Amino acid sequence: MVILRNKKTQTEALYPLHIKTIYNFSYRLSGNEEIAGILTEKIFLDYRFKQKDKFQLLKQTWEDFLKYYGCIDLKCQDTIQKILLSLPPKLRCAVILRDIMDCSYQQISIVLNQSDYEAAELVSRGREQFARLYKKSNTCV
């Protein structure tokens, strides 16, 4: 009985952390606070009674983002976020997970449903494209 209580307490303690993680991930994917709030709320309303770890929640967030917002032309004023938004969604997701959220390639592969090698390749291509766009944006200023 004590073990279950500790596990429940642990889960409850992680819940706000997961909300923050999902919101930040959603915001970086979309560059939009309203979309990030909607996605975060949807994830936690849909999955609040199911045992999901952080990476399953990130995977569901990614899938919902693609389903509802993947084809929308997203805009932002912040230079870094603007460059992130100019990346194709899958490359953007890989770069966000690796370079902003510090996920391993194995964790990224779970979210993107790719092999570890494919996840690493997506991160590499995303970084190259990001660097090229960043350099171009600084040259144009």
Protein backbone atom coordinates (compact mmCIF):
# COMPACT_ATOMS: atom_id res chain seq x y z
CA MET A 1 0.00 0.00 0.00
CA VAL A 2 2.83 2.41 0.80
CA ILE A 3 4.42 1.67 -2.56
CA LEU A 4 1.24 2.64 -4.41
CA ARG A 5 0.94 5.85 -2.42
CA ASN A 6 4.56 6.73 -3.18
CA LYS A 7 4.05 5.92 -6.84
CA LYS A 8 0.89 8.07 -6.92
CA THR A 9 2.70 10.92 -5.17
CA GLN A 10 5.58 10.58 -7.62
CA THR A 11 3.17 10.70 -10.56
CA GLU A 12 1.38 13.73 -9.14
CA ALA A 13 4.73 15.48 -8.62
CA LEU A 14 5.72 14.82 -12.24
CA TYR A 15 2.41 16.05 -13.65
CA PRO A 16 3.24 19.81 -13.50
CA LEU A 17 6.68 19.06 -14.95
CA HIS A 18 5.08 17.17 -17.85
CA ILE A 19 2.65 20.04 -18.46
CA LYS A 20 5.55 22.50 -18.68
CA THR A 21 7.50 20.14 -20.98
CA ILE A 22 4.55 19.60 -23.31
CA TYR A 23 3.74 23.32 -23.41
CA ASN A 24 7.36 24.27 -24.20
CA PHE A 25 7.58 21.60 -26.89
CA SER A 26 4.26 22.76 -28.40
CA TYR A 27 5.39 26.37 -28.33
CA ARG A 28 8.67 25.62 -30.10
CA LEU A 29 6.85 23.55 -32.72
CA SER A 30 4.30 26.27 -33.40
CA GLY A 31 5.85 29.57 -32.26
CA ASN A 32 2.40 30.45 -30.96
CA GLU A 33 1.30 30.63 -27.31
CA GLU A 34 -2.36 29.98 -28.14
CA ILE A 35 -1.60 26.86 -30.18
CA ALA A 36 0.79 25.66 -27.46
CA GLY A 37 -1.93 26.09 -24.84
CA ILE A 38 -4.53 24.30 -26.95
CA LEU A 39 -2.22 21.36 -27.68
CA THR A 40 -1.14 21.07 -24.04
CA GLU A 41 -4.72 21.14 -22.81
CA LYS A 42 -5.77 18.56 -25.39
CA ILE A 43 -2.95 16.18 -24.45
CA PHE A 44 -3.72 16.33 -20.75
CA LEU A 45 -7.49 16.12 -21.16
CA ASP A 46 -7.16 13.13 -23.48
CA TYR A 47 -4.50 11.29 -21.48
CA ARG A 48 -4.93 12.35 -17.86
CA PHE A 49 -6.29 8.97 -16.73
CA LYS A 50 -3.81 6.88 -18.68
CA GLN A 51 -0.30 6.11 -17.50
CA LYS A 52 1.91 7.82 -20.05
CA ASP A 53 5.56 8.65 -19.70
CA LYS A 54 6.96 11.95 -20.90
CA PHE A 55 8.09 10.60 -24.26
CA GLN A 56 4.72 9.05 -25.05
CA LEU A 57 3.15 12.42 -24.27
CA LEU A 58 5.71 14.18 -26.50
CA LYS A 59 4.95 11.66 -29.26
CA GLN A 60 1.21 12.32 -28.96
CA THR A 61 1.86 16.08 -28.95
CA TRP A 62 3.92 15.74 -32.13
CA GLU A 63 1.20 13.67 -33.82
CA ASP A 64 -1.53 16.11 -32.79
CA PHE A 65 0.58 19.06 -33.94
CA LEU A 66 0.96 17.49 -37.38
CA LYS A 67 -2.72 16.58 -37.54
CA TYR A 68 -4.10 20.00 -36.57
CA TYR A 69 -1.36 22.52 -37.34
CA GLY A 70 1.24 20.84 -39.56
CA CYS A 71 0.07 22.47 -42.78
CA ILE A 72 -0.52 25.97 -41.38
CA ASP A 73 2.00 28.67 -42.29
CA LEU A 74 3.17 29.71 -38.81
CA LYS A 75 4.70 33.13 -38.14
CA CYS A 76 6.72 34.58 -35.27
CA GLN A 77 8.70 37.76 -34.52
CA ASP A 78 11.60 36.16 -32.61
CA THR A 79 14.52 35.48 -34.99
CA ILE A 80 15.44 32.06 -33.58
CA GLN A 81 11.84 30.90 -33.45
CA LYS A 82 11.27 32.28 -36.98
CA ILE A 83 14.18 30.17 -38.25
CA LEU A 84 12.86 27.10 -36.40
CA LEU A 85 9.46 27.62 -38.05
CA SER A 86 11.08 27.77 -41.48
CA LEU A 87 12.43 24.23 -41.04
CA PRO A 88 10.28 21.36 -42.31
CA PRO A 89 8.22 20.05 -39.35
CA LYS A 90 10.12 16.78 -38.87
CA LEU A 91 13.52 18.51 -38.89
CA ARG A 92 12.15 21.20 -36.56
CA CYS A 93 10.89 18.56 -34.16
CA ALA A 94 14.21 16.69 -34.16
CA VAL A 95 16.24 19.87 -33.52
CA ILE A 96 13.89 21.02 -30.76
CA LEU A 97 14.03 17.66 -29.02
CA ARG A 98 17.81 17.38 -29.24
CA ASP A 99 19.12 20.93 -28.89
CA ILE A 100 16.45 22.61 -26.78
CA MET A 101 15.01 19.74 -24.76
CA ASP A 102 18.27 17.72 -24.54
CA CYS A 103 16.67 14.40 -25.56
CA SER A 104 18.80 11.46 -26.62
CA TYR A 105 18.59 10.06 -30.14
CA GLN A 106 16.78 7.04 -28.72
CA GLN A 107 14.18 9.31 -27.10
CA ILE A 108 13.80 11.29 -30.33
CA SER A 109 13.31 8.03 -32.23
CA ILE A 110 10.38 7.20 -29.91
CA VAL A 111 8.69 10.54 -30.55
CA LEU A 112 9.25 10.50 -34.32
CA ASN A 113 8.76 6.74 -34.73
CA GLN A 114 12.13 6.44 -36.47
CA SER A 115 15.26 4.40 -35.84
CA ASP A 116 18.01 5.95 -33.70
CA TYR A 117 20.10 6.38 -36.84
CA GLU A 118 17.26 8.14 -38.69
CA ALA A 119 16.68 10.40 -35.66
CA ALA A 120 20.38 11.36 -35.63
CA GLU A 121 20.23 12.04 -39.37
CA LEU A 122 17.18 14.29 -38.94
CA VAL A 123 18.95 16.25 -36.18
CA SER A 124 22.04 16.65 -38.33
CA ARG A 125 20.07 17.85 -41.37
CA GLY A 126 17.99 20.16 -39.21
CA ARG A 127 21.08 21.71 -37.62
CA GLU A 128 22.69 22.26 -41.03
CA GLN A 129 19.58 23.92 -42.41
CA PHE A 130 19.13 25.99 -39.23
CA ALA A 131 22.77 27.18 -39.37
CA ARG A 132 22.44 28.11 -43.04
CA LEU A 133 19.23 30.07 -42.39
CA TYR A 134 20.68 31.73 -39.29
CA LYS A 135 23.77 32.85 -41.20
CA LYS A 136 21.56 34.15 -44.02
CA SER A 137 19.36 36.10 -41.57
CA ASN A 138 22.41 37.76 -39.99
CA THR A 139 23.84 38.63 -43.40
CA CYS A 140 20.60 40.33 -44.46
CA VAL A 141 20.48 42.61 -41.39
